[in-house]
Amino acid sequence: MDDDALIPVELFCTTCHVETTLIDSLEQSGLVEITVVEHRRFIAPEQLGHLEKMVRLHEDLDINVPGLEAIHHMLSRMEELQKELSRLRNRLRRFGEED
């Protein structure tokens, strides 16, 4: 990954008006991965959308980190189930059993 594409945690926090302690808590709970380069902390671009969603839930709906963990787990599980449903529908189509 190109280090130029990494977003400094401080810049993200300043832009989104959140404390770095929130990012620390999200990292400790495994909800976001922080990359450390030369003693500076960065967010990978592919983590940005997920992190922004977690920050919005925390700030707008006042959901604490354990609540964010539960939401993340449910969303991940729902995504897995949607993939499985799609796979099963495709399998049914091959057998000509779909309405």
Protein backbone atom coordinates (compact mmCIF):
# COMPACT_ATOMS: atom_id res chain seq x y z
CA MET A 1 0.00 0.00 0.00
CA ASP A 2 1.20 3.47 -0.86
CA ASP A 3 1.98 5.48 2.27
CA ASP A 4 0.77 8.63 0.49
CA ALA A 5 -2.76 7.20 0.40
CA LEU A 6 -2.88 6.75 4.17
CA ILE A 7 -4.94 9.25 6.14
CA PRO A 8 -3.43 10.55 9.40
CA VAL A 9 -5.66 9.82 12.40
CA GLU A 10 -5.31 13.42 13.57
CA LEU A 11 -6.54 14.74 10.21
CA PHE A 12 -9.53 12.40 10.26
CA CYS A 13 -10.40 13.44 13.82
CA THR A 14 -10.08 17.14 13.03
CA THR A 15 -12.17 16.82 9.88
CA CYS A 16 -14.90 14.73 11.54
CA HIS A 17 -14.78 16.65 14.85
CA VAL A 18 -14.14 13.57 16.98
CA GLU A 19 -11.61 12.82 19.70
CA THR A 20 -8.70 10.51 19.00
CA THR A 21 -9.83 8.50 22.04
CA LEU A 22 -12.83 7.31 20.00
CA ILE A 23 -10.51 6.01 17.30
CA ASP A 24 -8.39 4.36 20.01
CA SER A 25 -11.48 2.63 21.42
CA LEU A 26 -12.61 1.49 17.98
CA GLU A 27 -9.15 0.10 17.30
CA GLN A 28 -9.00 -1.70 20.65
CA SER A 29 -12.37 -3.32 19.99
CA GLY A 30 -11.24 -4.45 16.54
CA LEU A 31 -13.72 -2.29 14.62
CA VAL A 32 -11.02 -0.40 12.75
CA GLU A 33 -7.42 -1.13 11.85
CA ILE A 34 -4.82 1.56 12.36
CA THR A 35 -1.52 1.49 10.47
CA VAL A 36 1.57 2.83 12.23
CA VAL A 37 4.35 4.29 10.07
CA GLU A 38 7.33 5.96 11.71
CA HIS A 39 5.47 6.39 15.03
CA ARG A 40 2.51 8.09 13.31
CA ARG A 41 -0.94 6.52 13.14
CA PHE A 42 -2.85 6.30 9.88
CA ILE A 43 -6.14 5.02 8.50
CA ALA A 44 -6.06 3.00 5.30
CA PRO A 45 -8.41 4.33 2.59
CA GLU A 46 -10.33 1.02 2.49
CA GLN A 47 -11.13 1.49 6.21
CA LEU A 48 -12.46 5.00 5.76
CA GLY A 49 -16.07 4.19 4.83
CA HIS A 50 -16.49 1.76 7.69
CA LEU A 51 -14.86 4.16 10.16
CA GLU A 52 -17.08 7.04 9.04
CA LYS A 53 -20.15 4.83 9.53
CA MET A 54 -19.03 3.93 13.06
CA VAL A 55 -18.34 7.59 13.90
CA ARG A 56 -21.76 8.66 12.58
CA LEU A 57 -23.52 6.00 14.64
CA HIS A 58 -21.56 7.05 17.71
CA GLU A 59 -22.02 10.78 17.27
CA ASP A 60 -25.54 11.01 15.79
CA LEU A 61 -27.22 8.22 17.73
CA ASP A 62 -25.00 8.27 20.83
CA ILE A 63 -24.16 4.57 20.50
CA ASN A 64 -21.26 3.45 22.68
CA VAL A 65 -18.42 1.21 21.50
CA PRO A 66 -19.97 -2.05 22.78
CA GLY A 67 -23.14 -1.09 20.89
CA LEU A 68 -21.07 -0.42 17.77
CA GLU A 69 -19.50 -3.87 18.16
CA ALA A 70 -22.97 -5.45 18.26
CA ILE A 71 -24.12 -3.47 15.22
CA HIS A 72 -20.96 -4.42 13.33
CA HIS A 73 -21.52 -8.08 14.16
CA MET A 74 -25.16 -7.95 13.03
CA LEU A 75 -24.30 -6.13 9.79
CA SER A 76 -21.54 -8.63 9.02
CA ARG A 77 -23.89 -11.52 9.70
CA MET A 78 -26.61 -9.97 7.52
CA GLU A 79 -24.12 -9.53 4.67
CA GLU A 80 -23.09 -13.20 4.99
CA LEU A 81 -26.74 -14.27 4.91
CA GLN A 82 -27.44 -12.12 1.84
CA LYS A 83 -24.50 -13.72 0.03
CA GLU A 84 -25.75 -17.17 0.98
CA LEU A 85 -29.27 -16.32 -0.20
CA SER A 86 -27.91 -15.08 -3.52
CA ARG A 87 -25.82 -18.24 -3.92
CA LEU A 88 -28.84 -20.44 -3.17
CA ARG A 89 -31.04 -18.51 -5.61
CA ASN A 90 -28.46 -18.95 -8.34
CA ARG A 91 -28.31 -22.65 -7.57
CA LEU A 92 -32.10 -22.91 -7.82
CA ARG A 93 -32.06 -21.11 -11.16
CA ARG A 94 -29.70 -23.74 -12.53
CA PHE A 95 -32.21 -26.39 -11.61
CA GLY A 96 -35.16 -24.38 -13.01
CA GLU A 97 -37.07 -24.40 -9.73
CA GLU A 98 -37.50 -20.66 -9.26
CA ASP A 99 -40.91 -18.99 -9.83
